[in-house]
Amino acid sequence: MKLLNSFGPNPRAVRMALLEKGIDMEFVEHDLMGGENRADAYSKKNPGAQMPALELDDGTVFGETTTICEYLEEKHPTPALIGATAEERANTRQWIRRVELGLTEHMYNAFRYAEGIDIFRDRMVVIPEAADGLKAKAADARKWLDGQIAGRDFIAGDKFTFADIVLYCCTDFAKGVAQPIEGELKNLTAWFARVDARPSAAASLHPAASQVNMQG
């Protein structure tokens, strides 16, 4: 089993999960900034052409970040990042979905359509006129989430889960591309600091992060 790895917040989320679980795995590096993931050799393995992907020993490839981490959780259930019971898993999954649909997808697309448009204009359809609206939707969702997490340490409750990893990797990336957590959102700011202090946060950064001056 090996991780088809690169710079970027989504590959970082898998690396952070691996660190939290204590799983050692071979990494096969790909040049995301150079568009290696869009070349035939990679897209034949992962038709979505996103990074990262997980390649099993039999050649099976999974290409979605959350799917990869769900698979790793089933193979290595402790320490649990999705949940140790059916109820915990359902709760974590609902928060992962809320985070991805309400925040991270808007934040990533806003970057692709604005600050990152020169990277993405030849790789996908970009909608520059949508960037401001996506940033506004994400800001509204951050305000909502700030209220939801009042009185608890982590996104899904009192336990650190993959929902925290998904949002942390996005917000740490986004703060450097014109989408920081608003200062008045005290609960979300405290949550970010809490996760940022975990050893897996710094250890999961790709070496290329300092070269491109982005957190991924």
N, C-alpha and C. Protein backbone atom coordinates (compact mmCIF):
# COMPACT_ATOMS: atom_id res chain seq x y z
N MET A 1 0.85 -1.19 0.00
CA MET A 1 0.00 0.00 0.00
C MET A 1 0.88 1.24 0.00
N LYS A 2 0.54 2.22 -0.85
CA LYS A 2 1.35 3.43 -0.92
C LYS A 2 0.46 4.64 -1.21
N LEU A 3 0.90 5.79 -0.73
CA LEU A 3 0.18 7.03 -0.95
C LEU A 3 0.80 7.76 -2.14
N LEU A 4 -0.03 8.05 -3.14
CA LEU A 4 0.39 8.89 -4.25
C LEU A 4 0.26 10.33 -3.75
N ASN A 5 1.36 10.93 -3.43
CA ASN A 5 1.42 12.09 -2.56
C ASN A 5 1.90 13.33 -3.30
N SER A 6 1.60 14.50 -2.74
CA SER A 6 2.08 15.76 -3.30
C SER A 6 1.90 16.86 -2.27
N PHE A 7 2.36 18.04 -2.62
CA PHE A 7 1.98 19.24 -1.88
C PHE A 7 0.47 19.43 -2.00
N GLY A 8 -0.14 20.06 -1.00
CA GLY A 8 -1.55 20.42 -1.08
C GLY A 8 -2.28 20.10 0.20
N PRO A 9 -3.36 20.83 0.48
CA PRO A 9 -4.10 20.60 1.73
C PRO A 9 -4.78 19.23 1.80
N ASN A 10 -5.24 18.69 0.68
CA ASN A 10 -5.87 17.38 0.73
C ASN A 10 -4.88 16.25 0.98
N PRO A 11 -3.74 16.21 0.26
CA PRO A 11 -2.73 15.24 0.65
C PRO A 11 -2.27 15.41 2.09
N ARG A 12 -2.19 16.66 2.52
CA ARG A 12 -1.79 16.89 3.91
C ARG A 12 -2.78 16.27 4.88
N ALA A 13 -4.06 16.31 4.56
CA ALA A 13 -5.06 15.73 5.45
C ALA A 13 -4.82 14.24 5.63
N VAL A 14 -4.48 13.55 4.56
CA VAL A 14 -4.18 12.12 4.68
C VAL A 14 -2.89 11.91 5.47
N ARG A 15 -1.88 12.71 5.20
CA ARG A 15 -0.63 12.58 5.96
C ARG A 15 -0.86 12.82 7.44
N MET A 16 -1.69 13.80 7.76
CA MET A 16 -1.98 14.10 9.17
C MET A 16 -2.71 12.94 9.82
N ALA A 17 -3.65 12.33 9.10
CA ALA A 17 -4.36 11.16 9.63
C ALA A 17 -3.39 10.00 9.85
N LEU A 18 -2.48 9.79 8.92
CA LEU A 18 -1.49 8.72 9.07
C LEU A 18 -0.63 8.95 10.32
N LEU A 19 -0.23 10.19 10.52
CA LEU A 19 0.57 10.52 11.70
C LEU A 19 -0.21 10.29 12.98
N GLU A 20 -1.46 10.72 13.00
CA GLU A 20 -2.29 10.55 14.20
C GLU A 20 -2.49 9.06 14.51
N LYS A 21 -2.56 8.25 13.48
CA LYS A 21 -2.77 6.81 13.67
C LYS A 21 -1.47 6.03 13.83
N GLY A 22 -0.34 6.66 13.56
CA GLY A 22 0.94 5.97 13.67
C GLY A 22 1.16 4.95 12.57
N ILE A 23 0.64 5.23 11.37
CA ILE A 23 0.78 4.32 10.23
C ILE A 23 1.94 4.77 9.37
N ASP A 24 2.87 3.85 9.14
CA ASP A 24 3.97 4.12 8.21
C ASP A 24 3.57 3.64 6.83
N MET A 25 3.85 4.44 5.82
CA MET A 25 3.45 4.09 4.46
C MET A 25 4.43 4.69 3.47
N GLU A 26 4.63 4.00 2.38
CA GLU A 26 5.46 4.53 1.29
C GLU A 26 4.73 5.69 0.62
N PHE A 27 5.45 6.77 0.35
CA PHE A 27 4.92 7.91 -0.40
C PHE A 27 5.57 7.92 -1.78
N VAL A 28 4.74 8.08 -2.79
CA VAL A 28 5.24 8.26 -4.16
C VAL A 28 4.92 9.69 -4.55
N GLU A 29 5.95 10.51 -4.69
CA GLU A 29 5.75 11.94 -4.87
C GLU A 29 5.34 12.31 -6.30
N HIS A 30 4.44 13.29 -6.39
CA HIS A 30 3.99 13.83 -7.67
C HIS A 30 4.07 15.36 -7.60
N ASP A 31 4.37 15.96 -8.72
CA ASP A 31 4.53 17.42 -8.80
C ASP A 31 3.16 18.06 -9.08
N LEU A 32 2.46 18.42 -8.03
CA LEU A 32 1.14 19.03 -8.17
C LEU A 32 1.23 20.38 -8.87
N MET A 33 2.18 21.21 -8.47
CA MET A 33 2.29 22.54 -9.06
C MET A 33 2.63 22.46 -10.55
N GLY A 34 3.35 21.43 -10.93
CA GLY A 34 3.69 21.24 -12.33
C GLY A 34 2.63 20.50 -13.13
N GLY A 35 1.56 20.09 -12.46
CA GLY A 35 0.45 19.44 -13.14
C GLY A 35 0.64 17.97 -13.44
N GLU A 36 1.54 17.31 -12.73
CA GLU A 36 1.78 15.89 -12.99
C GLU A 36 0.52 15.05 -12.79
N ASN A 37 -0.34 15.50 -11.87
CA ASN A 37 -1.58 14.76 -11.61
C ASN A 37 -2.56 14.83 -12.78
N ARG A 38 -2.34 15.75 -13.71
CA ARG A 38 -3.22 15.86 -14.88
C ARG A 38 -2.70 15.05 -16.08
N ALA A 39 -1.50 14.50 -15.95
CA ALA A 39 -0.93 13.71 -17.04
C ALA A 39 -1.57 12.33 -17.10
N ASP A 40 -1.44 11.68 -18.24
CA ASP A 40 -2.10 10.40 -18.47
C ASP A 40 -1.70 9.33 -17.46
N ALA A 41 -0.42 9.29 -17.10
CA ALA A 41 0.07 8.23 -16.22
C ALA A 41 -0.68 8.23 -14.88
N TYR A 42 -0.95 9.43 -14.38
CA TYR A 42 -1.68 9.51 -13.11
C TYR A 42 -3.19 9.40 -13.31
N SER A 43 -3.73 10.10 -14.29
CA SER A 43 -5.18 10.13 -14.46
C SER A 43 -5.74 8.76 -14.87
N LYS A 44 -4.90 7.89 -15.42
CA LYS A 44 -5.35 6.52 -15.70
C LYS A 44 -5.58 5.75 -14.41
N LYS A 45 -4.81 6.10 -13.39
CA LYS A 45 -5.01 5.48 -12.08
C LYS A 45 -6.15 6.13 -11.32
N ASN A 46 -6.21 7.44 -11.40
CA ASN A 46 -7.23 8.22 -10.68
C ASN A 46 -7.90 9.16 -11.68
N PRO A 47 -9.04 8.75 -12.26
CA PRO A 47 -9.68 9.55 -13.30
C PRO A 47 -10.07 10.95 -12.85
N GLY A 48 -10.24 11.15 -11.55
CA GLY A 48 -10.54 12.49 -11.06
C GLY A 48 -9.36 13.43 -11.14
N ALA A 49 -8.17 12.86 -11.27
CA ALA A 49 -6.92 13.62 -11.42
C ALA A 49 -6.60 14.51 -10.23
N GLN A 50 -7.22 14.21 -9.06
CA GLN A 50 -6.90 14.99 -7.87
C GLN A 50 -5.81 14.26 -7.09
N MET A 51 -5.17 15.01 -6.22
CA MET A 51 -4.22 14.43 -5.27
C MET A 51 -4.86 14.49 -3.89
N PRO A 52 -4.61 13.48 -3.05
CA PRO A 52 -3.78 12.30 -3.27
C PRO A 52 -4.62 11.12 -3.77
N ALA A 53 -3.96 9.97 -3.85
CA ALA A 53 -4.66 8.72 -4.09
C ALA A 53 -3.94 7.64 -3.29
N LEU A 54 -4.66 6.59 -2.98
CA LEU A 54 -4.10 5.45 -2.24
C LEU A 54 -4.07 4.26 -3.18
N GLU A 55 -2.90 3.71 -3.38
CA GLU A 55 -2.76 2.54 -4.26
C GLU A 55 -2.47 1.31 -3.42
N LEU A 56 -3.34 0.31 -3.54
CA LEU A 56 -3.18 -0.93 -2.79
C LEU A 56 -2.19 -1.85 -3.50
N ASP A 57 -1.79 -2.89 -2.80
CA ASP A 57 -0.81 -3.81 -3.35
C ASP A 57 -1.31 -4.52 -4.60
N ASP A 58 -2.63 -4.68 -4.73
CA ASP A 58 -3.18 -5.35 -5.91
C ASP A 58 -3.45 -4.39 -7.07
N GLY A 59 -3.06 -3.12 -6.89
CA GLY A 59 -3.24 -2.13 -7.94
C GLY A 59 -4.51 -1.32 -7.85
N THR A 60 -5.41 -1.67 -6.93
CA THR A 60 -6.62 -0.87 -6.72
C THR A 60 -6.25 0.52 -6.24
N VAL A 61 -6.92 1.54 -6.77
CA VAL A 61 -6.62 2.92 -6.40
C VAL A 61 -7.89 3.60 -5.91
N PHE A 62 -7.80 4.24 -4.75
CA PHE A 62 -8.86 5.08 -4.21
C PHE A 62 -8.39 6.53 -4.31
N GLY A 63 -9.26 7.39 -4.84
CA GLY A 63 -8.81 8.74 -5.13
C GLY A 63 -9.53 9.87 -4.45
N GLU A 64 -10.24 9.64 -3.36
CA GLU A 64 -10.91 10.71 -2.63
C GLU A 64 -10.38 10.74 -1.21
N THR A 65 -10.05 11.92 -0.72
CA THR A 65 -9.39 12.06 0.58
C THR A 65 -10.18 11.40 1.70
N THR A 66 -11.45 11.71 1.80
CA THR A 66 -12.26 11.14 2.87
C THR A 66 -12.40 9.63 2.72
N THR A 67 -12.56 9.16 1.49
CA THR A 67 -12.64 7.72 1.25
C THR A 67 -11.35 7.03 1.68
N ILE A 68 -10.22 7.63 1.36
CA ILE A 68 -8.93 7.05 1.77
C ILE A 68 -8.87 6.91 3.29
N CYS A 69 -9.27 7.96 3.98
CA CYS A 69 -9.17 7.93 5.45
C CYS A 69 -10.21 7.02 6.07
N GLU A 70 -11.37 6.88 5.45
CA GLU A 70 -12.36 5.90 5.91
C GLU A 70 -11.78 4.49 5.76
N TYR A 71 -11.12 4.23 4.65
CA TYR A 71 -10.51 2.93 4.42
C TYR A 71 -9.42 2.64 5.46
N LEU A 72 -8.57 3.63 5.70
CA LEU A 72 -7.52 3.46 6.69
C LEU A 72 -8.09 3.22 8.08
N GLU A 73 -9.21 3.87 8.38
CA GLU A 73 -9.85 3.67 9.68
C GLU A 73 -10.34 2.24 9.83
N GLU A 74 -10.89 1.67 8.75
CA GLU A 74 -11.36 0.29 8.82
C GLU A 74 -10.21 -0.68 8.98
N LYS A 75 -9.09 -0.39 8.34
CA LYS A 75 -7.93 -1.26 8.43
C LYS A 75 -7.17 -1.07 9.73
N HIS A 76 -7.21 0.14 10.27
CA HIS A 76 -6.48 0.47 11.50
C HIS A 76 -7.44 1.25 12.42
N PRO A 77 -8.34 0.56 13.10
CA PRO A 77 -9.42 1.25 13.82
C PRO A 77 -9.00 2.04 15.05
N THR A 78 -7.80 1.81 15.56
CA THR A 78 -7.35 2.55 16.74
C THR A 78 -6.02 3.23 16.45
N PRO A 79 -5.86 4.45 16.95
CA PRO A 79 -6.89 5.30 17.59
C PRO A 79 -7.93 5.74 16.56
N ALA A 80 -9.17 5.83 17.01
CA ALA A 80 -10.27 6.14 16.10
C ALA A 80 -10.27 7.61 15.71
N LEU A 81 -10.34 7.87 14.41
CA LEU A 81 -10.50 9.24 13.92
C LEU A 81 -11.89 9.46 13.32
N ILE A 82 -12.61 8.39 13.03
CA ILE A 82 -13.99 8.48 12.58
C ILE A 82 -14.92 8.15 13.73
N GLY A 83 -14.59 7.12 14.50
CA GLY A 83 -15.39 6.79 15.67
C GLY A 83 -15.25 5.32 16.03
N ALA A 84 -15.44 5.04 17.33
CA ALA A 84 -15.31 3.66 17.83
C ALA A 84 -16.65 2.94 17.86
N THR A 85 -17.75 3.67 17.73
CA THR A 85 -19.09 3.07 17.74
C THR A 85 -19.86 3.58 16.53
N ALA A 86 -20.97 2.91 16.24
CA ALA A 86 -21.80 3.35 15.12
C ALA A 86 -22.28 4.78 15.32
N GLU A 87 -22.61 5.13 16.55
CA GLU A 87 -23.10 6.47 16.84
C GLU A 87 -21.99 7.52 16.65
N GLU A 88 -20.79 7.21 17.14
CA GLU A 88 -19.67 8.13 16.96
C GLU A 88 -19.34 8.32 15.48
N ARG A 89 -19.36 7.22 14.75
CA ARG A 89 -19.05 7.32 13.32
C ARG A 89 -20.09 8.15 12.58
N ALA A 90 -21.37 7.95 12.91
CA ALA A 90 -22.42 8.74 12.26
C ALA A 90 -22.25 10.23 12.58
N ASN A 91 -21.93 10.53 13.82
CA ASN A 91 -21.75 11.94 14.21
C ASN A 91 -20.56 12.56 13.48
N THR A 92 -19.44 11.85 13.45
CA THR A 92 -18.27 12.38 12.75
C THR A 92 -18.56 12.58 11.28
N ARG A 93 -19.22 11.61 10.66
CA ARG A 93 -19.50 11.70 9.22
C ARG A 93 -20.42 12.88 8.89
N GLN A 94 -21.38 13.14 9.78
CA GLN A 94 -22.26 14.28 9.47
C GLN A 94 -21.48 15.59 9.55
N TRP A 95 -20.50 15.66 10.47
CA TRP A 95 -19.71 16.89 10.57
C TRP A 95 -18.70 17.00 9.44
N ILE A 96 -18.15 15.88 8.99
CA ILE A 96 -17.29 15.92 7.81
C ILE A 96 -18.07 16.47 6.62
N ARG A 97 -19.28 15.97 6.46
CA ARG A 97 -20.10 16.41 5.32
C ARG A 97 -20.45 17.89 5.45
N ARG A 98 -20.79 18.34 6.64
CA ARG A 98 -21.10 19.76 6.84
C ARG A 98 -19.88 20.63 6.54
N VAL A 99 -18.72 20.18 6.99
CA VAL A 99 -17.49 20.94 6.75
C VAL A 99 -17.16 20.99 5.27
N GLU A 100 -17.24 19.84 4.59
CA GLU A 100 -16.86 19.80 3.18
C GLU A 100 -17.85 20.56 2.30
N LEU A 101 -19.14 20.34 2.51
CA LEU A 101 -20.13 20.98 1.66
C LEU A 101 -20.33 22.46 2.00
N GLY A 102 -20.21 22.80 3.27
CA GLY A 102 -20.49 24.17 3.69
C GLY A 102 -19.30 25.10 3.67
N LEU A 103 -18.09 24.54 3.84
CA LEU A 103 -16.91 25.40 3.96
C LEU A 103 -15.82 25.09 2.96
N THR A 104 -15.23 23.91 3.05
CA THR A 104 -13.97 23.69 2.34
C THR A 104 -14.13 23.74 0.83
N GLU A 105 -15.22 23.21 0.29
CA GLU A 105 -15.38 23.25 -1.16
C GLU A 105 -15.51 24.68 -1.66
N HIS A 106 -16.22 25.52 -0.92
CA HIS A 106 -16.33 26.93 -1.29
C HIS A 106 -14.98 27.64 -1.19
N MET A 107 -14.24 27.34 -0.14
CA MET A 107 -12.96 28.00 0.08
C MET A 107 -11.95 27.59 -0.99
N TYR A 108 -11.90 26.32 -1.31
CA TYR A 108 -10.97 25.86 -2.34
C TYR A 108 -11.33 26.44 -3.71
N ASN A 109 -12.61 26.42 -4.05
CA ASN A 109 -13.00 26.96 -5.35
C ASN A 109 -12.78 28.46 -5.43
N ALA A 110 -13.01 29.17 -4.33
CA ALA A 110 -12.73 30.61 -4.33
C ALA A 110 -11.26 30.87 -4.61
N PHE A 111 -10.39 30.05 -4.05
CA PHE A 111 -8.95 30.18 -4.35
C PHE A 111 -8.67 29.87 -5.81
N ARG A 112 -9.25 28.78 -6.32
CA ARG A 112 -9.01 28.41 -7.72
C ARG A 112 -9.48 29.49 -8.69
N TYR A 113 -10.54 30.18 -8.34
CA TYR A 113 -11.12 31.17 -9.24
C TYR A 113 -10.55 32.57 -9.05
N ALA A 114 -9.75 32.77 -8.00
CA ALA A 114 -9.22 34.11 -7.72
C ALA A 114 -7.70 34.05 -7.58
N GLU A 115 -7.19 33.93 -6.36
CA GLU A 115 -5.74 33.98 -6.14
C GLU A 115 -4.99 32.89 -6.90
N GLY A 116 -5.62 31.74 -7.09
CA GLY A 116 -4.95 30.62 -7.75
C GLY A 116 -5.31 30.44 -9.21
N ILE A 117 -5.95 31.44 -9.80
CA ILE A 117 -6.49 31.25 -11.15
C ILE A 117 -5.40 30.97 -12.19
N ASP A 118 -4.22 31.53 -12.02
CA ASP A 118 -3.15 31.28 -12.99
C ASP A 118 -2.67 29.83 -12.95
N ILE A 119 -2.84 29.18 -11.81
CA ILE A 119 -2.49 27.76 -11.69
C ILE A 119 -3.55 26.89 -12.36
N PHE A 120 -4.81 27.27 -12.21
CA PHE A 120 -5.90 26.37 -12.58
C PHE A 120 -6.58 26.67 -13.91
N ARG A 121 -6.32 27.83 -14.52
CA ARG A 121 -7.09 28.21 -15.71
C ARG A 121 -6.91 27.22 -16.86
N ASP A 122 -5.77 26.53 -16.93
CA ASP A 122 -5.55 25.57 -18.00
C ASP A 122 -5.82 24.13 -17.57
N ARG A 123 -6.32 23.97 -16.33
CA ARG A 123 -6.54 22.62 -15.81
C ARG A 123 -8.01 22.29 -15.61
N MET A 124 -8.84 23.33 -15.52
CA MET A 124 -10.25 23.12 -15.22
C MET A 124 -11.02 24.37 -15.64
N VAL A 125 -12.33 24.26 -15.64
CA VAL A 125 -13.17 25.44 -15.87
C VAL A 125 -13.09 26.33 -14.63
N VAL A 126 -12.70 27.56 -14.80
CA VAL A 126 -12.65 28.51 -13.69
C VAL A 126 -13.73 29.57 -13.90
N ILE A 127 -14.27 30.05 -12.78
CA ILE A 127 -15.39 31.00 -12.83
C ILE A 127 -15.00 32.20 -11.96
N PRO A 128 -14.19 33.10 -12.49
CA PRO A 128 -13.70 34.20 -11.66
C PRO A 128 -14.80 35.05 -11.06
N GLU A 129 -15.92 35.18 -11.77
CA GLU A 129 -17.01 36.01 -11.24
C GLU A 129 -17.69 35.37 -10.04
N ALA A 130 -17.41 34.09 -9.79
CA ALA A 130 -18.02 33.40 -8.64
C ALA A 130 -17.18 33.51 -7.38
N ALA A 131 -15.94 33.97 -7.49
CA ALA A 131 -15.02 33.92 -6.36
C ALA A 131 -15.53 34.69 -5.15
N ASP A 132 -15.99 35.91 -5.35
CA ASP A 132 -16.44 36.73 -4.22
C ASP A 132 -17.65 36.10 -3.53
N GLY A 133 -18.56 35.56 -4.31
CA GLY A 133 -19.73 34.92 -3.73
C GLY A 133 -19.37 33.68 -2.93
N LEU A 134 -18.41 32.90 -3.43
CA LEU A 134 -17.97 31.71 -2.71
C LEU A 134 -17.29 32.10 -1.40
N LYS A 135 -16.50 33.16 -1.44
CA LYS A 135 -15.86 33.62 -0.20
C LYS A 135 -16.91 34.08 0.81
N ALA A 136 -17.96 34.72 0.33
CA ALA A 136 -19.03 35.17 1.22
C ALA A 136 -19.78 33.97 1.83
N LYS A 137 -20.04 32.95 1.02
CA LYS A 137 -20.70 31.75 1.53
C LYS A 137 -19.84 31.06 2.58
N ALA A 138 -18.54 30.98 2.33
CA ALA A 138 -17.65 30.36 3.29
C ALA A 138 -17.58 31.17 4.59
N ALA A 139 -17.55 32.49 4.47
CA ALA A 139 -17.51 33.34 5.66
C ALA A 139 -18.78 33.15 6.49
N ASP A 140 -19.92 33.06 5.82
CA ASP A 140 -21.17 32.82 6.54
C ASP A 140 -21.15 31.48 7.24
N ALA A 141 -20.59 30.46 6.59
CA ALA A 141 -20.51 29.13 7.20
C ALA A 141 -19.54 29.11 8.37
N ARG A 142 -18.47 29.87 8.29
CA ARG A 142 -17.54 29.95 9.43
C ARG A 142 -18.23 30.57 10.64
N LYS A 143 -19.02 31.61 10.39
CA LYS A 143 -19.75 32.24 11.49
C LYS A 143 -20.73 31.24 12.12
N TRP A 144 -21.42 30.48 11.29
CA TRP A 144 -22.35 29.46 11.79
C TRP A 144 -21.60 28.41 12.61
N LEU A 145 -20.48 27.93 12.10
CA LEU A 145 -19.73 26.89 12.79
C LEU A 145 -19.17 27.41 14.11
N ASP A 146 -18.78 28.67 14.14
CA ASP A 146 -18.27 29.26 15.38
C ASP A 146 -19.30 29.13 16.50
N GLY A 147 -20.56 29.34 16.16
CA GLY A 147 -21.61 29.18 17.15
C GLY A 147 -21.85 27.73 17.52
N GLN A 148 -21.73 26.85 16.55
CA GLN A 148 -21.98 25.43 16.79
C GLN A 148 -20.97 24.80 17.74
N ILE A 149 -19.72 25.25 17.70
CA ILE A 149 -18.69 24.60 18.51
C ILE A 149 -18.46 25.28 19.86
N ALA A 150 -19.30 26.23 20.22
CA ALA A 150 -19.18 26.87 21.53
C ALA A 150 -19.26 25.82 22.63
N GLY A 151 -18.29 25.84 23.53
CA GLY A 151 -18.31 24.93 24.66
C GLY A 151 -17.73 23.55 24.40
N ARG A 152 -17.19 23.33 23.21
CA ARG A 152 -16.55 22.04 22.97
C ARG A 152 -15.20 22.25 22.32
N ASP A 153 -14.34 21.26 22.44
CA ASP A 153 -12.96 21.40 21.98
C ASP A 153 -12.79 21.18 20.49
N PHE A 154 -13.62 20.31 19.91
CA PHE A 154 -13.40 19.92 18.53
C PHE A 154 -14.70 20.00 17.73
N ILE A 155 -14.59 19.83 16.42
CA ILE A 155 -15.73 20.06 15.54
C ILE A 155 -16.89 19.13 15.85
N ALA A 156 -16.60 17.84 16.04
CA ALA A 156 -17.67 16.85 16.23
C ALA A 156 -17.98 16.59 17.70
N GLY A 157 -17.32 17.29 18.61
CA GLY A 157 -17.57 17.06 20.03
C GLY A 157 -16.30 17.23 20.84
N ASP A 158 -16.12 16.36 21.83
CA ASP A 158 -14.96 16.47 22.71
C ASP A 158 -13.76 15.67 22.23
N LYS A 159 -13.91 14.89 21.17
CA LYS A 159 -12.82 14.08 20.64
C LYS A 159 -12.31 14.64 19.32
N PHE A 160 -11.01 14.59 19.13
CA PHE A 160 -10.38 14.97 17.87
C PHE A 160 -10.73 13.92 16.82
N THR A 161 -11.22 14.36 15.66
CA THR A 161 -11.65 13.44 14.61
C THR A 161 -11.14 13.90 13.25
N PHE A 162 -11.48 13.12 12.24
CA PHE A 162 -11.10 13.49 10.89
C PHE A 162 -11.80 14.77 10.44
N ALA A 163 -12.94 15.10 11.02
CA ALA A 163 -13.59 16.37 10.70
C ALA A 163 -12.67 17.54 11.02
N ASP A 164 -11.94 17.44 12.12
CA ASP A 164 -10.99 18.49 12.49
C ASP A 164 -9.84 18.56 11.49
N ILE A 165 -9.37 17.41 11.04
CA ILE A 165 -8.27 17.38 10.09
C ILE A 165 -8.67 18.04 8.78
N VAL A 166 -9.86 17.70 8.28
CA VAL A 166 -10.34 18.27 7.02
C VAL A 166 -10.39 19.79 7.10
N LEU A 167 -10.99 20.31 8.16
CA LEU A 167 -11.14 21.76 8.26
C LEU A 167 -9.81 22.43 8.57
N TYR A 168 -9.00 21.82 9.41
CA TYR A 168 -7.71 22.42 9.75
C TYR A 168 -6.83 22.58 8.52
N CYS A 169 -6.69 21.53 7.73
CA CYS A 169 -5.82 21.61 6.55
C CYS A 169 -6.31 22.66 5.56
N CYS A 170 -7.62 22.82 5.46
CA CYS A 170 -8.17 23.85 4.60
C CYS A 170 -7.92 25.24 5.17
N THR A 171 -8.22 25.46 6.42
CA THR A 171 -8.09 26.80 7.00
C THR A 171 -6.63 27.23 7.12
N ASP A 172 -5.74 26.28 7.38
CA ASP A 172 -4.32 26.64 7.45
C ASP A 172 -3.83 27.05 6.07
N PHE A 173 -4.30 26.37 5.03
CA PHE A 173 -3.97 26.77 3.66
C PHE A 173 -4.61 28.11 3.31
N ALA A 174 -5.88 28.26 3.64
CA ALA A 174 -6.65 29.42 3.19
C ALA A 174 -6.20 30.72 3.85
N LYS A 175 -5.65 30.63 5.06
CA LYS A 175 -5.24 31.87 5.74
C LYS A 175 -4.16 32.60 4.96
N GLY A 176 -3.40 31.87 4.13
CA GLY A 176 -2.35 32.50 3.35
C GLY A 176 -2.78 32.91 1.95
N VAL A 177 -4.04 32.64 1.61
CA VAL A 177 -4.54 32.99 0.27
C VAL A 177 -5.83 33.81 0.39
N ALA A 178 -5.78 34.77 1.32
CA ALA A 178 -6.84 35.78 1.45
C ALA A 178 -8.15 35.27 2.03
N GLN A 179 -8.11 34.15 2.78
CA GLN A 179 -9.33 33.67 3.43
C GLN A 179 -9.03 33.24 4.88
N PRO A 180 -8.59 34.17 5.73
CA PRO A 180 -8.30 33.82 7.12
C PRO A 180 -9.58 33.66 7.94
N ILE A 181 -9.45 32.98 9.07
CA ILE A 181 -10.55 32.94 10.03
C ILE A 181 -10.73 34.35 10.59
N GLU A 182 -11.95 34.83 10.59
CA GLU A 182 -12.22 36.19 11.07
C GLU A 182 -11.91 36.31 12.56
N GLY A 183 -11.30 37.43 12.93
CA GLY A 183 -10.85 37.61 14.31
C GLY A 183 -11.96 37.54 15.34
N GLU A 184 -13.17 37.92 14.94
CA GLU A 184 -14.27 37.91 15.91
C GLU A 184 -14.81 36.50 16.18
N LEU A 185 -14.38 35.53 15.41
CA LEU A 185 -14.85 34.16 15.62
C LEU A 185 -13.96 33.48 16.66
N LYS A 186 -14.24 33.75 17.91
CA LYS A 186 -13.37 33.34 19.01
C LYS A 186 -13.32 31.82 19.17
N ASN A 187 -14.44 31.15 19.00
CA ASN A 187 -14.46 29.70 19.18
C ASN A 187 -13.66 29.00 18.09
N LEU A 188 -13.84 29.45 16.85
CA LEU A 188 -13.12 28.84 15.73
C LEU A 188 -11.63 29.16 15.81
N THR A 189 -11.30 30.37 16.25
CA THR A 189 -9.90 30.74 16.41
C THR A 189 -9.22 29.88 17.47
N ALA A 190 -9.91 29.66 18.59
CA ALA A 190 -9.35 28.81 19.66
C ALA A 190 -9.23 27.36 19.19
N TRP A 191 -10.23 26.90 18.43
CA TRP A 191 -10.17 25.55 17.87
C TRP A 191 -8.95 25.40 16.97
N PHE A 192 -8.73 26.38 16.08
CA PHE A 192 -7.59 26.31 15.17
C PHE A 192 -6.28 26.21 15.95
N ALA A 193 -6.11 27.03 16.97
CA ALA A 193 -4.89 27.01 17.77
C ALA A 193 -4.71 25.66 18.45
N ARG A 194 -5.81 25.08 18.89
CA ARG A 194 -5.78 23.77 19.56
C ARG A 194 -5.27 22.69 18.60
N VAL A 195 -5.77 22.70 17.39
CA VAL A 195 -5.35 21.69 16.41
C VAL A 195 -3.95 21.99 15.90
N ASP A 196 -3.65 23.25 15.71
CA ASP A 196 -2.34 23.66 15.21
C ASP A 196 -1.22 23.24 16.15
N ALA A 197 -1.52 23.08 17.44
CA ALA A 197 -0.52 22.69 18.43
C ALA A 197 -0.24 21.19 18.44
N ARG A 198 -1.04 20.40 17.75
CA ARG A 198 -0.81 18.96 17.71
C ARG A 198 0.46 18.67 16.90
N PRO A 199 1.28 17.72 17.34
CA PRO A 199 2.51 17.41 16.60
C PRO A 199 2.26 17.05 15.14
N SER A 200 1.13 16.43 14.85
CA SER A 200 0.84 16.02 13.47
C SER A 200 0.61 17.21 12.54
N ALA A 201 0.30 18.36 13.10
CA ALA A 201 0.03 19.54 12.26
C ALA A 201 1.30 19.98 11.54
N ALA A 202 2.36 20.24 12.30
CA ALA A 202 3.61 20.66 11.68
C ALA A 202 4.25 19.52 10.89
N ALA A 203 4.16 18.30 11.43
CA ALA A 203 4.83 17.16 10.79
C ALA A 203 4.19 16.79 9.45
N SER A 204 2.94 17.18 9.23
CA SER A 204 2.24 16.80 8.00
C SER A 204 2.49 17.77 6.85
N LEU A 205 3.12 18.92 7.11
CA LEU A 205 3.41 19.87 6.04
C LEU A 205 4.38 19.26 5.03
N HIS A 206 4.10 19.48 3.76
CA HIS A 206 4.96 18.97 2.70
C HIS A 206 6.21 19.85 2.60
N PRO A 207 7.37 19.28 2.27
CA PRO A 207 8.58 20.09 2.12
C PRO A 207 8.43 21.23 1.12
N ALA A 208 7.56 21.06 0.13
CA ALA A 208 7.38 22.10 -0.88
C ALA A 208 6.62 23.32 -0.35
N ALA A 209 6.03 23.21 0.83
CA ALA A 209 5.23 24.32 1.35
C ALA A 209 6.06 25.60 1.48
N SER A 210 7.28 25.47 1.95
CA SER A 210 8.12 26.65 2.11
C SER A 210 8.56 27.21 0.76
N GLN A 211 8.63 26.37 -0.26
CA GLN A 211 9.06 26.81 -1.58
C GLN A 211 7.97 27.61 -2.28
N VAL A 212 6.71 27.17 -2.15
CA VAL A 212 5.61 27.84 -2.83
C VAL A 212 4.92 28.86 -1.93
N ASN A 213 5.35 28.92 -0.66
CA ASN A 213 4.81 29.87 0.30
C ASN A 213 3.32 29.69 0.52
N MET A 214 2.90 28.41 0.58
CA MET A 214 1.52 28.07 0.91
C MET A 214 1.55 26.85 1.82
N GLN A 215 0.57 26.74 2.69
CA GLN A 215 0.51 25.66 3.66
C GLN A 215 -0.22 24.45 3.06
N GLY A 216 0.54 23.42 2.77
CA GLY A 216 -0.09 22.23 2.21
C GLY A 216 0.80 21.02 2.32
